[in-house]
Amino acid sequence: MEKSIIIISIVSVVAIIIFLIYYFNPKTIILRRLKKLRFSKIGSLQNHHYSKVEGNALNVNQPLIAPLSQRECVFYQIVIEKKVNSGKNSHWKTIVDEEKIQDFFVEQTGERLLIFPKQNPKNYYAYLVSDKKANSGTFNDPTPEFQSLLNNYGIESTGFFGFNKQLRYRESIIEVGERITVAGYVKWVELEQPVSDYNYSRVATLVAKDKNKILITDATEALKPKHGR
């Protein structure tokens, strides 16, 4: 009887841990928040309303360049990890965790929404899909592109006796022209200077307010179903 209770208790604890990991996963959090909002058209956005919009990401200024894939983007996140061995155990240690974002537009049928993300203090919450990966290991040489990136970050790809280190890289970006979903508080502002290919004197912007941050994601689950676009 006691053995059965112990087994049930262990299973319950494991189930709770799995649920909590899923519930507080960045992707789950942002999709849950976005699901509560209706999609809005940019032209019908109202001041001070927390609104959700889908459209294509466009750069305002010179776009960022993703470190490995060299794609033009307005937002990227990269992580480089090294496998560390300690006796019989091993684990992946993060040696680079970099995120860069710039002001960008979301374009929807000719109308534009301007996003003003800030990193310090951070005024947005984001989930980006990892769509570029690279790795190296003992019998797996890094590609020339990956080696060049490692050099740029001052990371040695080989260790003792010239063997390759076990390294892995993942890159997540919002590419220029990519379809994304954003949400935030709406604030209409007057344009001080004209914007190329935009013929209006005012533009809607998304801002954070109190604890409600701007939401940004390129997850397909957050997009409108194709038949609803």
C-alpha atoms as a PDB file:
ATOM      1  CA  MET A   1       0.000   0.000   0.000  1.00  0.00           C
ATOM      2  CA  GLU A   2       2.781   2.406   1.005  1.00  0.00           C
ATOM      3  CA  LYS A   3       4.688   1.514  -2.173  1.00  0.00           C
ATOM      4  CA  SER A   4       1.630   2.393  -4.299  1.00  0.00           C
ATOM      5  CA  ILE A   5       1.238   5.735  -2.514  1.00  0.00           C
ATOM      6  CA  ILE A   6       4.920   6.536  -3.127  1.00  0.00           C
ATOM      7  CA  ILE A   7       4.618   5.691  -6.839  1.00  0.00           C
ATOM      8  CA  ILE A   8       1.452   7.791  -7.189  1.00  0.00           C
ATOM      9  CA  SER A   9       3.149  10.687  -5.388  1.00  0.00           C
ATOM     10  CA  ILE A  10       6.201  10.522  -7.664  1.00  0.00           C
ATOM     11  CA  VAL A  11       4.024  10.377 -10.802  1.00  0.00           C
ATOM     12  CA  SER A  12       1.970  13.337  -9.547  1.00  0.00           C
ATOM     13  CA  VAL A  13       5.071  15.430  -8.836  1.00  0.00           C
ATOM     14  CA  VAL A  14       6.520  14.658 -12.290  1.00  0.00           C
ATOM     15  CA  ALA A  15       3.186  15.527 -13.929  1.00  0.00           C
ATOM     16  CA  ILE A  16       3.035  18.861 -12.069  1.00  0.00           C
ATOM     17  CA  ILE A  17       6.615  19.711 -13.077  1.00  0.00           C
ATOM     18  CA  ILE A  18       5.880  18.915 -16.737  1.00  0.00           C
ATOM     19  CA  PHE A  19       2.724  21.062 -16.618  1.00  0.00           C
ATOM     20  CA  LEU A  20       4.560  23.999 -15.023  1.00  0.00           C
ATOM     21  CA  ILE A  21       7.365  23.800 -17.592  1.00  0.00           C
ATOM     22  CA  TYR A  22       4.782  23.851 -20.391  1.00  0.00           C
ATOM     23  CA  TYR A  23       2.611  26.543 -18.796  1.00  0.00           C
ATOM     24  CA  PHE A  24       5.521  28.940 -18.213  1.00  0.00           C
ATOM     25  CA  ASN A  25       7.296  28.185 -21.500  1.00  0.00           C
ATOM     26  CA  PRO A  26       7.861  31.503 -23.384  1.00  0.00           C
ATOM     27  CA  LYS A  27       5.986  30.222 -26.444  1.00  0.00           C
ATOM     28  CA  THR A  28       3.020  29.066 -24.374  1.00  0.00           C
ATOM     29  CA  ILE A  29       2.871  32.339 -22.422  1.00  0.00           C
ATOM     30  CA  ILE A  30       2.848  34.596 -25.475  1.00  0.00           C
ATOM     31  CA  LEU A  31       0.385  32.438 -27.437  1.00  0.00           C
ATOM     32  CA  ARG A  32      -1.934  32.329 -24.411  1.00  0.00           C
ATOM     33  CA  ARG A  33      -1.897  36.121 -24.105  1.00  0.00           C
ATOM     34  CA  LEU A  34      -2.403  36.687 -27.832  1.00  0.00           C
ATOM     35  CA  LYS A  35      -5.283  34.223 -27.969  1.00  0.00           C
ATOM     36  CA  LYS A  36      -7.306  36.503 -25.672  1.00  0.00           C
ATOM     37  CA  LEU A  37      -7.158  39.343 -28.222  1.00  0.00           C
ATOM     38  CA  ARG A  38      -9.017  39.852 -31.490  1.00  0.00           C
ATOM     39  CA  PHE A  39      -7.138  40.724 -34.662  1.00  0.00           C
ATOM     40  CA  SER A  40      -7.403  44.394 -35.629  1.00  0.00           C
ATOM     41  CA  LYS A  41      -6.905  46.311 -38.844  1.00  0.00           C
ATOM     42  CA  ILE A  42      -4.285  49.030 -38.581  1.00  0.00           C
ATOM     43  CA  GLY A  43      -6.600  51.728 -39.945  1.00  0.00           C
ATOM     44  CA  SER A  44      -9.196  51.014 -37.252  1.00  0.00           C
ATOM     45  CA  LEU A  45      -6.832  50.965 -34.256  1.00  0.00           C
ATOM     46  CA  GLN A  46      -7.953  53.152 -31.362  1.00  0.00           C
ATOM     47  CA  ASN A  47      -5.709  55.146 -29.021  1.00  0.00           C
ATOM     48  CA  HIS A  48      -4.913  53.533 -25.654  1.00  0.00           C
ATOM     49  CA  HIS A  49      -6.462  50.175 -26.606  1.00  0.00           C
ATOM     50  CA  TYR A  50      -4.420  47.005 -26.179  1.00  0.00           C
ATOM     51  CA  SER A  51      -4.638  45.528 -29.668  1.00  0.00           C
ATOM     52  CA  LYS A  52      -3.317  42.645 -31.778  1.00  0.00           C
ATOM     53  CA  VAL A  53      -2.184  43.024 -35.386  1.00  0.00           C
ATOM     54  CA  GLU A  54      -0.820  40.655 -38.005  1.00  0.00           C
ATOM     55  CA  GLY A  55       1.310  41.814 -40.919  1.00  0.00           C
ATOM     56  CA  ASN A  56       4.709  41.825 -42.610  1.00  0.00           C
ATOM     57  CA  ALA A  57       7.772  43.096 -40.744  1.00  0.00           C
ATOM     58  CA  LEU A  58       9.590  45.940 -42.510  1.00  0.00           C
ATOM     59  CA  ASN A  59      12.739  47.782 -41.492  1.00  0.00           C
ATOM     60  CA  VAL A  60      12.587  51.493 -40.661  1.00  0.00           C
ATOM     61  CA  ASN A  61      16.334  52.069 -41.043  1.00  0.00           C
ATOM     62  CA  GLN A  62      19.225  49.905 -42.210  1.00  0.00           C
ATOM     63  CA  PRO A  63      18.207  46.346 -41.250  1.00  0.00           C
ATOM     64  CA  LEU A  64      20.165  44.118 -38.921  1.00  0.00           C
ATOM     65  CA  ILE A  65      22.130  41.210 -40.412  1.00  0.00           C
ATOM     66  CA  ALA A  66      21.729  37.803 -38.771  1.00  0.00           C
ATOM     67  CA  PRO A  67      25.200  36.608 -37.646  1.00  0.00           C
ATOM     68  CA  LEU A  68      25.235  33.168 -39.332  1.00  0.00           C
ATOM     69  CA  SER A  69      22.612  33.157 -42.061  1.00  0.00           C
ATOM     70  CA  GLN A  70      23.410  36.767 -43.076  1.00  0.00           C
ATOM     71  CA  ARG A  71      19.698  37.459 -43.625  1.00  0.00           C
ATOM     72  CA  GLU A  72      18.325  40.972 -43.326  1.00  0.00           C
ATOM     73  CA  CYS A  73      16.150  41.214 -40.248  1.00  0.00           C
ATOM     74  CA  VAL A  74      14.708  43.576 -37.632  1.00  0.00           C
ATOM     75  CA  PHE A  75      15.208  41.228 -34.678  1.00  0.00           C
ATOM     76  CA  TYR A  76      17.526  38.329 -33.948  1.00  0.00           C
ATOM     77  CA  GLN A  77      18.395  36.055 -31.062  1.00  0.00           C
ATOM     78  CA  ILE A  78      21.415  33.750 -31.077  1.00  0.00           C
ATOM     79  CA  VAL A  79      22.758  31.227 -28.595  1.00  0.00           C
ATOM     80  CA  ILE A  80      26.130  29.454 -28.728  1.00  0.00           C
ATOM     81  CA  GLU A  81      26.691  26.569 -26.333  1.00  0.00           C
ATOM     82  CA  LYS A  82      29.708  24.422 -25.477  1.00  0.00           C
ATOM     83  CA  LYS A  83      29.513  20.886 -24.141  1.00  0.00           C
ATOM     84  CA  VAL A  84      31.328  20.620 -20.837  1.00  0.00           C
ATOM     85  CA  ASN A  85      32.395  17.255 -19.429  1.00  0.00           C
ATOM     86  CA  SER A  86      32.759  16.777 -15.700  1.00  0.00           C
ATOM     87  CA  GLY A  87      33.679  13.208 -14.798  1.00  0.00           C
ATOM     88  CA  LYS A  88      30.891  10.922 -15.942  1.00  0.00           C
ATOM     89  CA  ASN A  89      28.509  13.830 -16.425  1.00  0.00           C
ATOM     90  CA  SER A  90      28.257  16.418 -19.158  1.00  0.00           C
ATOM     91  CA  HIS A  91      26.116  19.469 -19.832  1.00  0.00           C
ATOM     92  CA  TRP A  92      25.738  22.318 -22.312  1.00  0.00           C
ATOM     93  CA  LYS A  93      27.096  25.662 -21.138  1.00  0.00           C
ATOM     94  CA  THR A  94      25.895  28.888 -22.770  1.00  0.00           C
ATOM     95  CA  ILE A  95      28.864  31.007 -23.861  1.00  0.00           C
ATOM     96  CA  VAL A  96      27.000  33.540 -26.043  1.00  0.00           C
ATOM     97  CA  ASP A  97      23.409  34.683 -25.560  1.00  0.00           C
ATOM     98  CA  GLU A  98      22.793  37.704 -27.754  1.00  0.00           C
ATOM     99  CA  GLU A  99      19.629  39.563 -28.738  1.00  0.00           C
ATOM    100  CA  LYS A 100      19.342  42.597 -30.997  1.00  0.00           C
ATOM    101  CA  ILE A 101      16.197  44.427 -32.064  1.00  0.00           C
ATOM    102  CA  GLN A 102      15.430  47.716 -33.771  1.00  0.00           C
ATOM    103  CA  ASP A 103      12.383  49.890 -34.440  1.00  0.00           C
ATOM    104  CA  PHE A 104      10.322  48.316 -37.212  1.00  0.00           C
ATOM    105  CA  PHE A 105       7.079  48.534 -39.132  1.00  0.00           C
ATOM    106  CA  VAL A 106       4.307  45.982 -39.431  1.00  0.00           C
ATOM    107  CA  GLU A 107       2.713  46.450 -42.860  1.00  0.00           C
ATOM    108  CA  GLN A 108      -0.857  45.423 -43.568  1.00  0.00           C
ATOM    109  CA  THR A 109      -2.526  46.124 -46.949  1.00  0.00           C
ATOM    110  CA  GLY A 110      -0.562  49.335 -47.457  1.00  0.00           C
ATOM    111  CA  GLU A 111      -0.967  50.634 -43.896  1.00  0.00           C
ATOM    112  CA  ARG A 112       1.824  50.570 -41.350  1.00  0.00           C
ATOM    113  CA  LEU A 113       2.154  50.136 -37.617  1.00  0.00           C
ATOM    114  CA  LEU A 114       5.369  51.315 -35.940  1.00  0.00           C
ATOM    115  CA  ILE A 115       6.913  49.259 -33.145  1.00  0.00           C
ATOM    116  CA  PHE A 116       9.288  50.881 -30.629  1.00  0.00           C
ATOM    117  CA  PRO A 117      10.999  48.031 -28.710  1.00  0.00           C
ATOM    118  CA  LYS A 118      13.443  48.852 -25.911  1.00  0.00           C
ATOM    119  CA  GLN A 119      15.991  46.486 -24.390  1.00  0.00           C
ATOM    120  CA  ASN A 120      16.894  48.447 -21.249  1.00  0.00           C
ATOM    121  CA  PRO A 121      14.525  48.425 -19.545  1.00  0.00           C
ATOM    122  CA  LYS A 122      12.928  45.758 -21.689  1.00  0.00           C
ATOM    123  CA  ASN A 123       9.437  46.752 -22.828  1.00  0.00           C
ATOM    124  CA  TYR A 124       8.559  43.700 -24.915  1.00  0.00           C
ATOM    125  CA  TYR A 125       8.032  39.973 -24.571  1.00  0.00           C
ATOM    126  CA  ALA A 126       8.975  37.839 -27.574  1.00  0.00           C
ATOM    127  CA  TYR A 127       9.021  34.304 -28.861  1.00  0.00           C
ATOM    128  CA  LEU A 128      10.924  33.629 -32.093  1.00  0.00           C
ATOM    129  CA  VAL A 129      11.127  30.330 -33.930  1.00  0.00           C
ATOM    130  CA  SER A 130      14.674  28.957 -34.206  1.00  0.00           C
ATOM    131  CA  ASP A 131      15.216  28.364 -37.917  1.00  0.00           C
ATOM    132  CA  LYS A 132      18.996  28.190 -38.338  1.00  0.00           C
ATOM    133  CA  LYS A 133      21.302  25.802 -36.503  1.00  0.00           C
ATOM    134  CA  ALA A 134      24.926  24.718 -36.683  1.00  0.00           C
ATOM    135  CA  ASN A 135      27.186  22.451 -34.674  1.00  0.00           C
ATOM    136  CA  SER A 136      30.645  20.941 -34.489  1.00  0.00           C
ATOM    137  CA  GLY A 137      32.229  18.027 -32.686  1.00  0.00           C
ATOM    138  CA  THR A 138      35.122  15.599 -32.571  1.00  0.00           C
ATOM    139  CA  PHE A 139      34.534  14.243 -36.075  1.00  0.00           C
ATOM    140  CA  ASN A 140      32.375  17.111 -37.282  1.00  0.00           C
ATOM    141  CA  ASP A 141      34.262  20.166 -38.519  1.00  0.00           C
ATOM    142  CA  PRO A 142      32.456  23.510 -38.340  1.00  0.00           C
ATOM    143  CA  THR A 143      31.375  24.836 -41.716  1.00  0.00           C
ATOM    144  CA  PRO A 144      33.353  27.832 -43.031  1.00  0.00           C
ATOM    145  CA  GLU A 145      30.388  30.071 -42.132  1.00  0.00           C
ATOM    146  CA  PHE A 146      30.179  28.695 -38.593  1.00  0.00           C
ATOM    147  CA  GLN A 147      33.957  28.948 -38.158  1.00  0.00           C
ATOM    148  CA  SER A 148      33.887  32.578 -39.292  1.00  0.00           C
ATOM    149  CA  LEU A 149      31.139  33.334 -36.771  1.00  0.00           C
ATOM    150  CA  LEU A 150      33.092  31.643 -33.967  1.00  0.00           C
ATOM    151  CA  ASN A 151      36.135  33.728 -34.889  1.00  0.00           C
ATOM    152  CA  ASN A 152      34.035  36.903 -34.722  1.00  0.00           C
ATOM    153  CA  TYR A 153      33.018  36.040 -31.164  1.00  0.00           C
ATOM    154  CA  GLY A 154      36.532  35.018 -30.144  1.00  0.00           C
ATOM    155  CA  ILE A 155      35.595  31.364 -29.620  1.00  0.00           C
ATOM    156  CA  GLU A 156      38.189  28.629 -30.191  1.00  0.00           C
ATOM    157  CA  SER A 157      36.717  25.715 -32.140  1.00  0.00           C
ATOM    158  CA  THR A 158      39.485  23.265 -31.212  1.00  0.00           C
ATOM    159  CA  GLY A 159      40.870  22.089 -27.882  1.00  0.00           C
ATOM    160  CA  PHE A 160      43.768  19.916 -26.781  1.00  0.00           C
ATOM    161  CA  PHE A 161      45.545  17.929 -29.510  1.00  0.00           C
ATOM    162  CA  GLY A 162      43.594  19.854 -32.163  1.00  0.00           C
ATOM    163  CA  PHE A 163      40.279  18.024 -31.633  1.00  0.00           C
ATOM    164  CA  ASN A 164      37.099  19.964 -32.400  1.00  0.00           C
ATOM    165  CA  LYS A 165      35.144  21.220 -29.426  1.00  0.00           C
ATOM    166  CA  GLN A 166      31.500  20.225 -29.182  1.00  0.00           C
ATOM    167  CA  LEU A 167      29.701  23.447 -30.005  1.00  0.00           C
ATOM    168  CA  ARG A 168      26.164  24.201 -31.113  1.00  0.00           C
ATOM    169  CA  TYR A 169      24.451  27.320 -32.375  1.00  0.00           C
ATOM    170  CA  ARG A 170      20.859  28.349 -32.899  1.00  0.00           C
ATOM    171  CA  GLU A 171      19.524  31.480 -34.547  1.00  0.00           C
ATOM    172  CA  SER A 172      16.034  32.976 -34.429  1.00  0.00           C
ATOM    173  CA  ILE A 173      15.084  36.031 -36.445  1.00  0.00           C
ATOM    174  CA  ILE A 174      12.263  38.192 -37.708  1.00  0.00           C
ATOM    175  CA  GLU A 175      13.275  38.552 -41.315  1.00  0.00           C
ATOM    176  CA  VAL A 176      12.397  41.611 -43.370  1.00  0.00           C
ATOM    177  CA  GLY A 177       9.099  40.777 -45.077  1.00  0.00           C
ATOM    178  CA  GLU A 178       8.238  37.939 -42.672  1.00  0.00           C
ATOM    179  CA  ARG A 179       4.629  37.648 -41.497  1.00  0.00           C
ATOM    180  CA  ILE A 180       4.373  38.153 -37.741  1.00  0.00           C
ATOM    181  CA  THR A 181       1.914  38.943 -34.945  1.00  0.00           C
ATOM    182  CA  VAL A 182       2.328  41.814 -32.489  1.00  0.00           C
ATOM    183  CA  ALA A 183       0.274  43.330 -29.681  1.00  0.00           C
ATOM    184  CA  GLY A 184       0.506  46.369 -27.445  1.00  0.00           C
ATOM    185  CA  TYR A 185      -1.094  49.654 -26.455  1.00  0.00           C
ATOM    186  CA  VAL A 186      -1.921  51.845 -29.449  1.00  0.00           C
ATOM    187  CA  LYS A 187      -0.665  55.406 -29.692  1.00  0.00           C
ATOM    188  CA  TRP A 188      -1.220  57.474 -32.826  1.00  0.00           C
ATOM    189  CA  VAL A 189       1.565  60.004 -33.494  1.00  0.00           C
ATOM    190  CA  GLU A 190       2.232  62.717 -36.049  1.00  0.00           C
ATOM    191  CA  LEU A 191       5.135  62.059 -38.371  1.00  0.00           C
ATOM    192  CA  GLU A 192       7.833  64.710 -38.130  1.00  0.00           C
ATOM    193  CA  GLN A 193       9.427  63.502 -41.355  1.00  0.00           C
ATOM    194  CA  PRO A 194       7.881  61.669 -44.334  1.00  0.00           C
ATOM    195  CA  VAL A 195       8.411  57.916 -44.557  1.00  0.00           C
ATOM    196  CA  SER A 196       9.264  56.284 -47.880  1.00  0.00           C
ATOM    197  CA  ASP A 197       6.262  54.580 -49.552  1.00  0.00           C
ATOM    198  CA  TYR A 198       3.937  55.829 -46.782  1.00  0.00           C
ATOM    199  CA  ASN A 199       1.553  58.639 -47.727  1.00  0.00           C
ATOM    200  CA  TYR A 200      -0.007  59.476 -44.364  1.00  0.00           C
ATOM    201  CA  SER A 201       0.888  62.218 -41.865  1.00  0.00           C
ATOM    202  CA  ARG A 202       0.043  60.055 -38.841  1.00  0.00           C
ATOM    203  CA  VAL A 203       1.118  56.547 -37.910  1.00  0.00           C
ATOM    204  CA  ALA A 204      -0.078  54.110 -35.263  1.00  0.00           C
ATOM    205  CA  THR A 205       2.551  52.872 -32.820  1.00  0.00           C
ATOM    206  CA  LEU A 206       2.596  50.108 -30.224  1.00  0.00           C
ATOM    207  CA  VAL A 207       3.923  50.878 -26.754  1.00  0.00           C
ATOM    208  CA  ALA A 208       4.126  49.136 -23.398  1.00  0.00           C
ATOM    209  CA  LYS A 209       2.117  50.330 -20.424  1.00  0.00           C
ATOM    210  CA  ASP A 210       2.685  49.344 -16.804  1.00  0.00           C
ATOM    211  CA  LYS A 211       3.163  45.565 -16.705  1.00  0.00           C
ATOM    212  CA  ASN A 212       1.615  45.016 -20.135  1.00  0.00           C
ATOM    213  CA  LYS A 213       4.520  44.724 -22.530  1.00  0.00           C
ATOM    214  CA  ILE A 214       4.590  44.660 -26.315  1.00  0.00           C
ATOM    215  CA  LEU A 215       4.185  41.097 -27.609  1.00  0.00           C
ATOM    216  CA  ILE A 216       6.151  39.955 -30.664  1.00  0.00           C
ATOM    217  CA  THR A 217       6.205  36.534 -32.328  1.00  0.00           C
ATOM    218  CA  ASP A 218       6.686  34.835 -35.669  1.00  0.00           C
ATOM    219  CA  ALA A 219       5.057  31.597 -34.482  1.00  0.00           C
ATOM    220  CA  THR A 220       2.638  30.335 -37.143  1.00  0.00           C
ATOM    221  CA  GLU A 221       0.184  29.372 -34.399  1.00  0.00           C
ATOM    222  CA  ALA A 222      -0.324  33.068 -33.648  1.00  0.00           C
ATOM    223  CA  LEU A 223      -1.253  33.981 -37.230  1.00  0.00           C
ATOM    224  CA  LYS A 224      -4.761  34.179 -38.585  1.00  0.00           C
ATOM    225  CA  PRO A 225      -5.975  31.015 -40.332  1.00  0.00           C
ATOM    226  CA  LYS A 226      -5.424  31.485 -44.087  1.00  0.00           C
ATOM    227  CA  HIS A 227      -9.159  31.496 -44.785  1.00  0.00           C
ATOM    228  CA  GLY A 228      -9.569  34.382 -42.317  1.00  0.00           C
ATOM    229  CA  ARG A 229      -6.994  36.701 -43.879  1.00  0.00           C
END
